[in-house]
Amino acid sequence: MKSTKILIAGFGGQGILFSGKALAYTGLKANKEVSWLPSYGPEMRGGTANCSVIISDVPVGSPIVDKPDVLIAMNKPSLDKYFYETEKDGYIVYDSSLVVTDAKRDDVKVYEIPATKLASDNAIVGLANMIILGKVIKETGIFTLEEIKNSLTQMVPAKKAELLEKNIKAIELGYNF
């Protein structure tokens, strides 16, 4: 039985919920059991935003992720809050353009990726979330690059083809970082 609990955390407007939705949709397409639970403050943009995603081979009993196997932190408050909650042998991926920390752990794999800077440098501002998602896909092996790209193709409407191209570019940037 394989089950992966993912927590994506940051501020509203950073694409937290979309990242979670992309993971959940890819899980559904891969015939996995999936849970997607968004959580955000009343402020929306600028307020806290979290998204719990569970991808499993067996039915998901509870959608709550309090001890993630994979933590994606898009800001410092999120990294501070969940850094020590991440399961042993798990993964922590954070945006080092926005987060400076000296917190250390020897029992998890930690990846610092300057996602916001990479997005800016590659003319895909606002897609730091997808850059980090690409890195998570590569390091965890939860899905292949092709699986996530195929899901995005179905998630993004044809009338917004330019957004699809930018999201795929962002995923590839993170995957190859």
N, C-alpha and C. Protein backbone atom coordinates (compact mmCIF):
# COMPACT_ATOMS: atom_id res chain seq x y z
N MET A 1 0.84 -1.19 0.00
CA MET A 1 0.00 0.00 0.00
C MET A 1 0.88 1.24 0.00
N LYS A 2 0.70 2.08 -0.99
CA LYS A 2 1.46 3.33 -1.09
C LYS A 2 0.51 4.50 -0.99
N SER A 3 0.84 5.42 -0.11
CA SER A 3 0.05 6.63 0.07
C SER A 3 1.00 7.79 0.28
N THR A 4 0.79 8.88 -0.42
CA THR A 4 1.63 10.07 -0.28
C THR A 4 0.77 11.24 0.14
N LYS A 5 1.12 11.83 1.28
CA LYS A 5 0.41 13.00 1.81
C LYS A 5 1.23 14.25 1.49
N ILE A 6 0.61 15.17 0.79
CA ILE A 6 1.29 16.39 0.33
C ILE A 6 0.60 17.60 0.93
N LEU A 7 1.39 18.52 1.45
CA LEU A 7 0.86 19.78 1.95
C LEU A 7 1.54 20.91 1.19
N ILE A 8 0.73 21.75 0.56
CA ILE A 8 1.23 22.92 -0.17
C ILE A 8 0.75 24.13 0.63
N ALA A 9 1.69 24.99 1.01
CA ALA A 9 1.32 26.11 1.88
C ALA A 9 2.00 27.40 1.44
N GLY A 10 1.27 28.51 1.60
CA GLY A 10 1.81 29.82 1.25
C GLY A 10 0.75 30.89 1.45
N PHE A 11 0.86 31.95 0.67
CA PHE A 11 -0.11 33.04 0.70
C PHE A 11 -1.10 32.86 -0.44
N GLY A 12 -2.29 33.39 -0.26
CA GLY A 12 -3.27 33.42 -1.34
C GLY A 12 -2.70 34.18 -2.52
N GLY A 13 -2.96 33.70 -3.73
CA GLY A 13 -2.45 34.35 -4.93
C GLY A 13 -1.16 33.72 -5.44
N GLN A 14 -0.60 32.74 -4.70
CA GLN A 14 0.64 32.09 -5.13
C GLN A 14 0.37 30.80 -5.91
N GLY A 15 -0.88 30.51 -6.19
CA GLY A 15 -1.20 29.31 -6.96
C GLY A 15 -1.19 28.03 -6.15
N ILE A 16 -1.38 28.16 -4.84
CA ILE A 16 -1.36 27.00 -3.94
C ILE A 16 -2.45 26.00 -4.34
N LEU A 17 -3.67 26.49 -4.50
CA LEU A 17 -4.79 25.59 -4.79
C LEU A 17 -4.68 24.98 -6.18
N PHE A 18 -4.19 25.75 -7.15
CA PHE A 18 -4.03 25.22 -8.50
C PHE A 18 -2.99 24.10 -8.51
N SER A 19 -1.89 24.28 -7.78
CA SER A 19 -0.86 23.23 -7.70
C SER A 19 -1.46 21.94 -7.15
N GLY A 20 -2.24 22.09 -6.09
CA GLY A 20 -2.89 20.92 -5.49
C GLY A 20 -3.86 20.26 -6.44
N LYS A 21 -4.60 21.09 -7.15
CA LYS A 21 -5.58 20.58 -8.11
C LYS A 21 -4.87 19.80 -9.23
N ALA A 22 -3.72 20.31 -9.68
CA ALA A 22 -2.95 19.63 -10.73
C ALA A 22 -2.48 18.26 -10.25
N LEU A 23 -2.01 18.19 -9.01
CA LEU A 23 -1.58 16.90 -8.45
C LEU A 23 -2.77 15.94 -8.33
N ALA A 24 -3.87 16.45 -7.80
CA ALA A 24 -5.05 15.59 -7.60
C ALA A 24 -5.59 15.09 -8.94
N TYR A 25 -5.66 15.96 -9.92
CA TYR A 25 -6.18 15.56 -11.23
C TYR A 25 -5.27 14.52 -11.88
N THR A 26 -3.97 14.72 -11.74
CA THR A 26 -3.01 13.75 -12.29
C THR A 26 -3.18 12.40 -11.59
N GLY A 27 -3.42 12.43 -10.29
CA GLY A 27 -3.68 11.19 -9.54
C GLY A 27 -4.92 10.47 -10.04
N LEU A 28 -5.97 11.23 -10.29
CA LEU A 28 -7.21 10.62 -10.82
C LEU A 28 -6.95 9.98 -12.18
N LYS A 29 -6.22 10.69 -13.04
CA LYS A 29 -5.91 10.16 -14.37
C LYS A 29 -5.06 8.89 -14.29
N ALA A 30 -4.28 8.76 -13.20
CA ALA A 30 -3.41 7.60 -13.01
C ALA A 30 -4.14 6.49 -12.24
N ASN A 31 -5.46 6.63 -12.11
CA ASN A 31 -6.31 5.64 -11.42
C ASN A 31 -5.93 5.44 -9.96
N LYS A 32 -5.54 6.53 -9.31
CA LYS A 32 -5.23 6.50 -7.88
C LYS A 32 -6.44 7.00 -7.09
N GLU A 33 -6.45 6.68 -5.82
CA GLU A 33 -7.42 7.26 -4.90
C GLU A 33 -6.86 8.64 -4.53
N VAL A 34 -7.71 9.66 -4.52
CA VAL A 34 -7.23 11.03 -4.35
C VAL A 34 -8.11 11.80 -3.39
N SER A 35 -7.46 12.66 -2.62
CA SER A 35 -8.16 13.63 -1.79
C SER A 35 -7.53 14.99 -2.05
N TRP A 36 -8.35 16.03 -2.20
CA TRP A 36 -7.88 17.40 -2.41
C TRP A 36 -8.68 18.28 -1.48
N LEU A 37 -8.00 18.92 -0.53
CA LEU A 37 -8.68 19.74 0.47
C LEU A 37 -8.04 21.12 0.52
N PRO A 38 -8.69 22.11 -0.12
CA PRO A 38 -8.16 23.48 -0.06
C PRO A 38 -8.56 24.15 1.25
N SER A 39 -7.72 25.06 1.71
CA SER A 39 -8.02 25.82 2.92
C SER A 39 -7.40 27.20 2.77
N TYR A 40 -8.22 28.23 2.92
CA TYR A 40 -7.68 29.58 2.79
C TYR A 40 -8.46 30.52 3.68
N GLY A 41 -7.77 31.58 4.09
CA GLY A 41 -8.38 32.58 4.96
C GLY A 41 -9.33 33.46 4.18
N PRO A 42 -10.13 34.24 4.87
CA PRO A 42 -11.12 35.10 4.20
C PRO A 42 -10.49 36.20 3.36
N GLU A 43 -9.20 36.45 3.57
CA GLU A 43 -8.53 37.52 2.84
C GLU A 43 -8.26 37.13 1.39
N MET A 44 -8.23 35.81 1.09
CA MET A 44 -7.84 35.28 -0.21
C MET A 44 -6.45 35.76 -0.59
N ARG A 45 -6.32 36.71 -1.52
CA ARG A 45 -4.98 37.15 -1.94
C ARG A 45 -4.27 37.81 -0.76
N GLY A 46 -3.11 37.25 -0.43
CA GLY A 46 -2.33 37.79 0.67
C GLY A 46 -2.57 37.09 1.98
N GLY A 47 -3.70 36.42 2.13
CA GLY A 47 -3.97 35.66 3.35
C GLY A 47 -3.33 34.28 3.25
N THR A 48 -3.48 33.48 4.28
CA THR A 48 -2.89 32.14 4.24
C THR A 48 -3.68 31.24 3.29
N ALA A 49 -2.97 30.35 2.65
CA ALA A 49 -3.59 29.37 1.78
C ALA A 49 -2.83 28.06 1.93
N ASN A 50 -3.57 26.99 2.15
CA ASN A 50 -2.99 25.65 2.24
C ASN A 50 -3.81 24.72 1.38
N CYS A 51 -3.18 23.66 0.93
CA CYS A 51 -3.89 22.66 0.17
C CYS A 51 -3.32 21.30 0.54
N SER A 52 -4.18 20.43 1.01
CA SER A 52 -3.78 19.06 1.35
C SER A 52 -4.18 18.15 0.21
N VAL A 53 -3.23 17.34 -0.25
CA VAL A 53 -3.49 16.38 -1.32
C VAL A 53 -2.98 15.02 -0.86
N ILE A 54 -3.80 14.01 -1.03
CA ILE A 54 -3.38 12.65 -0.74
C ILE A 54 -3.55 11.83 -2.01
N ILE A 55 -2.50 11.15 -2.39
CA ILE A 55 -2.51 10.26 -3.56
C ILE A 55 -2.23 8.87 -3.00
N SER A 56 -3.15 7.92 -3.26
CA SER A 56 -3.02 6.62 -2.61
C SER A 56 -3.45 5.48 -3.52
N ASP A 57 -2.97 4.29 -3.17
CA ASP A 57 -3.39 3.08 -3.86
C ASP A 57 -4.66 2.49 -3.24
N VAL A 58 -5.02 2.98 -2.06
CA VAL A 58 -6.21 2.50 -1.35
C VAL A 58 -7.10 3.70 -1.03
N PRO A 59 -8.39 3.48 -0.74
CA PRO A 59 -9.26 4.61 -0.42
C PRO A 59 -8.70 5.47 0.72
N VAL A 60 -8.90 6.77 0.59
CA VAL A 60 -8.39 7.74 1.56
C VAL A 60 -9.42 7.88 2.68
N GLY A 61 -8.97 7.63 3.91
CA GLY A 61 -9.87 7.69 5.06
C GLY A 61 -10.18 9.10 5.51
N SER A 62 -9.19 9.97 5.50
CA SER A 62 -9.37 11.35 5.94
C SER A 62 -8.57 12.27 5.03
N PRO A 63 -9.14 13.39 4.63
CA PRO A 63 -8.42 14.31 3.74
C PRO A 63 -7.43 15.21 4.47
N ILE A 64 -7.38 15.12 5.79
CA ILE A 64 -6.51 16.00 6.59
C ILE A 64 -5.06 15.54 6.49
N VAL A 65 -4.17 16.48 6.19
CA VAL A 65 -2.73 16.20 6.17
C VAL A 65 -2.10 17.06 7.25
N ASP A 66 -1.78 16.45 8.38
CA ASP A 66 -1.11 17.20 9.44
C ASP A 66 0.38 16.89 9.51
N LYS A 67 0.76 15.72 9.03
CA LYS A 67 2.17 15.31 8.96
C LYS A 67 2.46 14.90 7.52
N PRO A 68 2.84 15.87 6.68
CA PRO A 68 3.02 15.56 5.26
C PRO A 68 4.26 14.71 4.98
N ASP A 69 4.16 13.92 3.91
CA ASP A 69 5.33 13.23 3.35
C ASP A 69 6.10 14.21 2.47
N VAL A 70 5.35 15.13 1.87
CA VAL A 70 5.92 16.15 1.00
C VAL A 70 5.36 17.51 1.42
N LEU A 71 6.27 18.42 1.75
CA LEU A 71 5.87 19.79 2.08
C LEU A 71 6.38 20.72 0.99
N ILE A 72 5.47 21.50 0.43
CA ILE A 72 5.84 22.57 -0.49
C ILE A 72 5.53 23.87 0.24
N ALA A 73 6.57 24.65 0.53
CA ALA A 73 6.39 25.90 1.27
C ALA A 73 6.74 27.07 0.35
N MET A 74 5.77 27.93 0.13
CA MET A 74 5.96 29.06 -0.77
C MET A 74 6.33 30.34 -0.02
N ASN A 75 6.30 30.30 1.32
CA ASN A 75 6.69 31.46 2.11
C ASN A 75 7.28 31.01 3.45
N LYS A 76 7.91 31.94 4.15
CA LYS A 76 8.59 31.60 5.40
C LYS A 76 7.63 31.17 6.51
N PRO A 77 6.50 31.85 6.71
CA PRO A 77 5.60 31.38 7.77
C PRO A 77 5.16 29.93 7.57
N SER A 78 4.95 29.53 6.33
CA SER A 78 4.55 28.15 6.04
C SER A 78 5.68 27.18 6.32
N LEU A 79 6.89 27.53 5.91
CA LEU A 79 8.04 26.66 6.18
C LEU A 79 8.25 26.53 7.68
N ASP A 80 8.19 27.65 8.39
CA ASP A 80 8.37 27.62 9.85
C ASP A 80 7.31 26.74 10.52
N LYS A 81 6.09 26.84 10.06
CA LYS A 81 4.98 26.11 10.69
C LYS A 81 5.06 24.60 10.47
N TYR A 82 5.46 24.18 9.27
CA TYR A 82 5.38 22.76 8.92
C TYR A 82 6.72 22.04 8.79
N PHE A 83 7.83 22.75 8.91
CA PHE A 83 9.15 22.17 8.71
C PHE A 83 9.37 20.93 9.57
N TYR A 84 9.06 21.04 10.84
CA TYR A 84 9.30 19.92 11.75
C TYR A 84 8.13 18.94 11.81
N GLU A 85 7.06 19.25 11.11
CA GLU A 85 5.90 18.34 11.05
C GLU A 85 6.03 17.33 9.91
N THR A 86 6.93 17.60 8.98
CA THR A 86 7.11 16.72 7.82
C THR A 86 7.66 15.37 8.29
N GLU A 87 7.08 14.30 7.75
CA GLU A 87 7.46 12.94 8.14
C GLU A 87 8.93 12.66 7.86
N LYS A 88 9.51 11.83 8.70
CA LYS A 88 10.87 11.33 8.50
C LYS A 88 10.93 10.68 7.11
N ASP A 89 12.04 10.87 6.42
CA ASP A 89 12.26 10.38 5.05
C ASP A 89 11.38 11.09 4.02
N GLY A 90 10.77 12.19 4.43
CA GLY A 90 9.93 12.96 3.52
C GLY A 90 10.74 13.97 2.71
N TYR A 91 10.01 14.87 2.06
CA TYR A 91 10.60 15.88 1.18
C TYR A 91 10.08 17.24 1.58
N ILE A 92 10.97 18.21 1.62
CA ILE A 92 10.60 19.60 1.82
C ILE A 92 11.18 20.39 0.66
N VAL A 93 10.30 21.08 -0.06
CA VAL A 93 10.73 21.91 -1.19
C VAL A 93 10.19 23.31 -0.93
N TYR A 94 11.09 24.29 -0.96
CA TYR A 94 10.63 25.65 -0.72
C TYR A 94 11.27 26.65 -1.67
N ASP A 95 10.59 27.81 -1.78
CA ASP A 95 11.01 28.87 -2.68
C ASP A 95 12.09 29.71 -1.98
N SER A 96 13.35 29.45 -2.33
CA SER A 96 14.45 30.16 -1.67
C SER A 96 14.57 31.62 -2.12
N SER A 97 13.78 32.03 -3.12
CA SER A 97 13.73 33.45 -3.48
C SER A 97 13.00 34.23 -2.40
N LEU A 98 12.08 33.58 -1.72
CA LEU A 98 11.24 34.26 -0.72
C LEU A 98 11.53 33.82 0.71
N VAL A 99 12.24 32.72 0.86
CA VAL A 99 12.45 32.14 2.18
C VAL A 99 13.94 32.01 2.47
N VAL A 100 14.35 32.60 3.57
CA VAL A 100 15.71 32.43 4.05
C VAL A 100 15.58 31.75 5.41
N THR A 101 16.26 30.63 5.56
CA THR A 101 16.19 29.90 6.82
C THR A 101 17.50 29.19 7.09
N ASP A 102 17.75 28.94 8.35
CA ASP A 102 18.90 28.13 8.71
C ASP A 102 18.44 26.87 9.42
N ALA A 103 17.15 26.58 9.34
CA ALA A 103 16.61 25.35 9.93
C ALA A 103 17.19 24.15 9.18
N LYS A 104 17.54 23.13 9.91
CA LYS A 104 18.16 21.94 9.31
C LYS A 104 17.48 20.69 9.84
N ARG A 105 17.45 19.68 8.99
CA ARG A 105 17.00 18.34 9.37
C ARG A 105 17.82 17.33 8.59
N ASP A 106 18.20 16.26 9.27
CA ASP A 106 18.97 15.21 8.61
C ASP A 106 18.09 14.06 8.14
N ASP A 107 16.83 14.04 8.58
CA ASP A 107 15.96 12.90 8.31
C ASP A 107 14.97 13.12 7.17
N VAL A 108 15.10 14.25 6.45
CA VAL A 108 14.27 14.54 5.28
C VAL A 108 15.16 15.09 4.17
N LYS A 109 14.66 15.04 2.96
CA LYS A 109 15.38 15.65 1.83
C LYS A 109 14.83 17.06 1.66
N VAL A 110 15.72 18.04 1.70
CA VAL A 110 15.31 19.44 1.59
C VAL A 110 15.86 20.00 0.29
N TYR A 111 14.96 20.63 -0.49
CA TYR A 111 15.35 21.24 -1.76
C TYR A 111 14.98 22.72 -1.73
N GLU A 112 15.99 23.55 -1.90
CA GLU A 112 15.80 24.99 -2.02
C GLU A 112 15.80 25.31 -3.50
N ILE A 113 14.73 25.94 -3.97
CA ILE A 113 14.68 26.28 -5.39
C ILE A 113 14.23 27.74 -5.52
N PRO A 114 15.01 28.58 -6.19
CA PRO A 114 14.66 30.00 -6.32
C PRO A 114 13.54 30.19 -7.35
N ALA A 115 12.39 29.67 -7.05
CA ALA A 115 11.29 29.60 -8.02
C ALA A 115 10.80 30.96 -8.47
N THR A 116 10.65 31.90 -7.56
CA THR A 116 10.15 33.22 -7.94
C THR A 116 11.15 33.91 -8.87
N LYS A 117 12.44 33.79 -8.58
CA LYS A 117 13.47 34.38 -9.45
C LYS A 117 13.49 33.68 -10.81
N LEU A 118 13.41 32.35 -10.81
CA LEU A 118 13.38 31.62 -12.08
C LEU A 118 12.18 32.03 -12.92
N ALA A 119 11.03 32.20 -12.27
CA ALA A 119 9.82 32.62 -13.01
C ALA A 119 10.03 34.00 -13.63
N SER A 120 10.60 34.91 -12.86
CA SER A 120 10.86 36.26 -13.35
C SER A 120 11.88 36.24 -14.50
N ASP A 121 12.96 35.51 -14.31
CA ASP A 121 14.02 35.43 -15.33
C ASP A 121 13.55 34.80 -16.63
N ASN A 122 12.51 33.98 -16.57
CA ASN A 122 12.02 33.27 -17.76
C ASN A 122 10.69 33.79 -18.28
N ALA A 123 10.32 35.00 -17.86
CA ALA A 123 9.10 35.68 -18.33
C ALA A 123 7.83 34.86 -18.07
N ILE A 124 7.81 34.18 -16.93
CA ILE A 124 6.60 33.45 -16.52
C ILE A 124 6.26 33.83 -15.07
N VAL A 125 6.27 35.13 -14.82
CA VAL A 125 5.98 35.65 -13.49
C VAL A 125 4.66 35.09 -13.00
N GLY A 126 4.62 34.71 -11.74
CA GLY A 126 3.40 34.16 -11.15
C GLY A 126 3.34 32.64 -11.22
N LEU A 127 4.34 32.01 -11.80
CA LEU A 127 4.29 30.56 -11.93
C LEU A 127 5.37 29.85 -11.10
N ALA A 128 5.80 30.49 -10.03
CA ALA A 128 6.76 29.86 -9.11
C ALA A 128 6.19 28.56 -8.56
N ASN A 129 4.88 28.52 -8.35
CA ASN A 129 4.23 27.31 -7.83
C ASN A 129 4.43 26.13 -8.77
N MET A 130 4.35 26.36 -10.06
CA MET A 130 4.49 25.28 -11.02
C MET A 130 5.95 24.87 -11.19
N ILE A 131 6.86 25.82 -11.01
CA ILE A 131 8.29 25.48 -11.04
C ILE A 131 8.58 24.53 -9.88
N ILE A 132 8.09 24.86 -8.71
CA ILE A 132 8.31 23.99 -7.55
C ILE A 132 7.62 22.64 -7.75
N LEU A 133 6.45 22.65 -8.34
CA LEU A 133 5.74 21.39 -8.61
C LEU A 133 6.58 20.49 -9.53
N GLY A 134 7.22 21.08 -10.52
CA GLY A 134 8.10 20.30 -11.39
C GLY A 134 9.23 19.64 -10.62
N LYS A 135 9.80 20.38 -9.69
CA LYS A 135 10.88 19.83 -8.86
C LYS A 135 10.36 18.68 -7.99
N VAL A 136 9.17 18.85 -7.43
CA VAL A 136 8.58 17.80 -6.59
C VAL A 136 8.33 16.54 -7.41
N ILE A 137 7.80 16.70 -8.61
CA ILE A 137 7.55 15.55 -9.49
C ILE A 137 8.85 14.79 -9.75
N LYS A 138 9.90 15.53 -10.06
CA LYS A 138 11.19 14.88 -10.36
C LYS A 138 11.75 14.15 -9.14
N GLU A 139 11.79 14.82 -8.00
CA GLU A 139 12.47 14.26 -6.83
C GLU A 139 11.68 13.13 -6.17
N THR A 140 10.37 13.23 -6.14
CA THR A 140 9.57 12.19 -5.48
C THR A 140 9.23 11.03 -6.39
N GLY A 141 9.16 11.30 -7.70
CA GLY A 141 8.77 10.26 -8.64
C GLY A 141 7.31 9.88 -8.54
N ILE A 142 6.52 10.72 -7.88
CA ILE A 142 5.10 10.42 -7.70
C ILE A 142 4.36 10.32 -9.04
N PHE A 143 4.76 11.15 -10.00
CA PHE A 143 4.24 11.10 -11.36
C PHE A 143 5.40 11.36 -12.31
N THR A 144 5.19 11.00 -13.57
CA THR A 144 6.19 11.33 -14.58
C THR A 144 5.91 12.74 -15.09
N LEU A 145 6.89 13.30 -15.74
CA LEU A 145 6.73 14.62 -16.35
C LEU A 145 5.60 14.59 -17.37
N GLU A 146 5.54 13.52 -18.14
CA GLU A 146 4.48 13.41 -19.16
C GLU A 146 3.09 13.34 -18.53
N GLU A 147 2.96 12.63 -17.41
CA GLU A 147 1.64 12.54 -16.76
C GLU A 147 1.15 13.91 -16.31
N ILE A 148 2.02 14.71 -15.69
CA ILE A 148 1.58 16.02 -15.21
C ILE A 148 1.30 16.95 -16.39
N LYS A 149 2.12 16.88 -17.44
CA LYS A 149 1.88 17.71 -18.61
C LYS A 149 0.56 17.35 -19.29
N ASN A 150 0.26 16.06 -19.39
CA ASN A 150 -1.01 15.63 -19.98
C ASN A 150 -2.20 16.12 -19.16
N SER A 151 -2.07 16.09 -17.85
CA SER A 151 -3.14 16.58 -16.99
C SER A 151 -3.37 18.07 -17.19
N LEU A 152 -2.28 18.83 -17.27
CA LEU A 152 -2.42 20.27 -17.49
C LEU A 152 -3.12 20.55 -18.81
N THR A 153 -2.80 19.75 -19.83
CA THR A 153 -3.43 19.91 -21.13
C THR A 153 -4.94 19.79 -21.03
N GLN A 154 -5.40 18.91 -20.15
CA GLN A 154 -6.84 18.74 -19.98
C GLN A 154 -7.45 19.72 -18.99
N MET A 155 -6.64 20.24 -18.07
CA MET A 155 -7.15 21.18 -17.07
C MET A 155 -7.31 22.61 -17.60
N VAL A 156 -6.38 23.02 -18.46
CA VAL A 156 -6.39 24.39 -18.96
C VAL A 156 -7.23 24.44 -20.23
N PRO A 157 -8.26 25.29 -20.25
CA PRO A 157 -9.13 25.36 -21.43
C PRO A 157 -8.37 25.79 -22.70
N ALA A 158 -8.83 25.31 -23.83
CA ALA A 158 -8.18 25.60 -25.12
C ALA A 158 -8.11 27.10 -25.38
N LYS A 159 -9.09 27.86 -24.91
CA LYS A 159 -9.08 29.30 -25.15
C LYS A 159 -7.99 30.02 -24.35
N LYS A 160 -7.34 29.28 -23.44
CA LYS A 160 -6.24 29.85 -22.66
C LYS A 160 -4.94 29.09 -22.95
N ALA A 161 -4.73 28.78 -24.22
CA ALA A 161 -3.56 28.00 -24.65
C ALA A 161 -2.25 28.62 -24.22
N GLU A 162 -2.18 29.97 -24.20
CA GLU A 162 -0.94 30.63 -23.78
C GLU A 162 -0.60 30.30 -22.32
N LEU A 163 -1.62 30.13 -21.49
CA LEU A 163 -1.38 29.75 -20.09
C LEU A 163 -0.88 28.32 -19.98
N LEU A 164 -1.39 27.45 -20.83
CA LEU A 164 -0.94 26.06 -20.84
C LEU A 164 0.55 26.00 -21.17
N GLU A 165 0.95 26.72 -22.21
CA GLU A 165 2.36 26.73 -22.61
C GLU A 165 3.25 27.24 -21.48
N LYS A 166 2.82 28.30 -20.80
CA LYS A 166 3.61 28.87 -19.70
C LYS A 166 3.68 27.90 -18.52
N ASN A 167 2.57 27.25 -18.20
CA ASN A 167 2.57 26.29 -17.10
C ASN A 167 3.49 25.10 -17.39
N ILE A 168 3.46 24.62 -18.62
CA ILE A 168 4.33 23.51 -19.00
C ILE A 168 5.80 23.95 -18.95
N LYS A 169 6.07 25.15 -19.41
CA LYS A 169 7.44 25.69 -19.35
C LYS A 169 7.90 25.74 -17.88
N ALA A 170 7.04 26.18 -16.99
CA ALA A 170 7.37 26.29 -15.57
C ALA A 170 7.64 24.92 -14.97
N ILE A 171 6.77 23.95 -15.28
CA ILE A 171 6.97 22.58 -14.77
C ILE A 171 8.32 22.04 -15.24
N GLU A 172 8.63 22.24 -16.51
CA GLU A 172 9.89 21.74 -17.06
C GLU A 172 11.10 22.42 -16.43
N LEU A 173 10.98 23.73 -16.16
CA LEU A 173 12.08 24.46 -15.50
C LEU A 173 12.39 23.85 -14.13
N GLY A 174 11.36 23.61 -13.35
CA GLY A 174 11.55 23.02 -12.03
C GLY A 174 12.05 21.60 -12.12
N TYR A 175 11.52 20.85 -13.04
CA TYR A 175 11.92 19.44 -13.22
C TYR A 175 13.41 19.35 -13.55
N ASN A 176 13.89 20.26 -14.37
CA ASN A 176 15.28 20.23 -14.82
C ASN A 176 16.23 21.05 -13.95
N PHE A 177 15.72 21.68 -12.89
CA PHE A 177 16.57 22.52 -12.03
C PHE A 177 17.54 21.65 -11.22
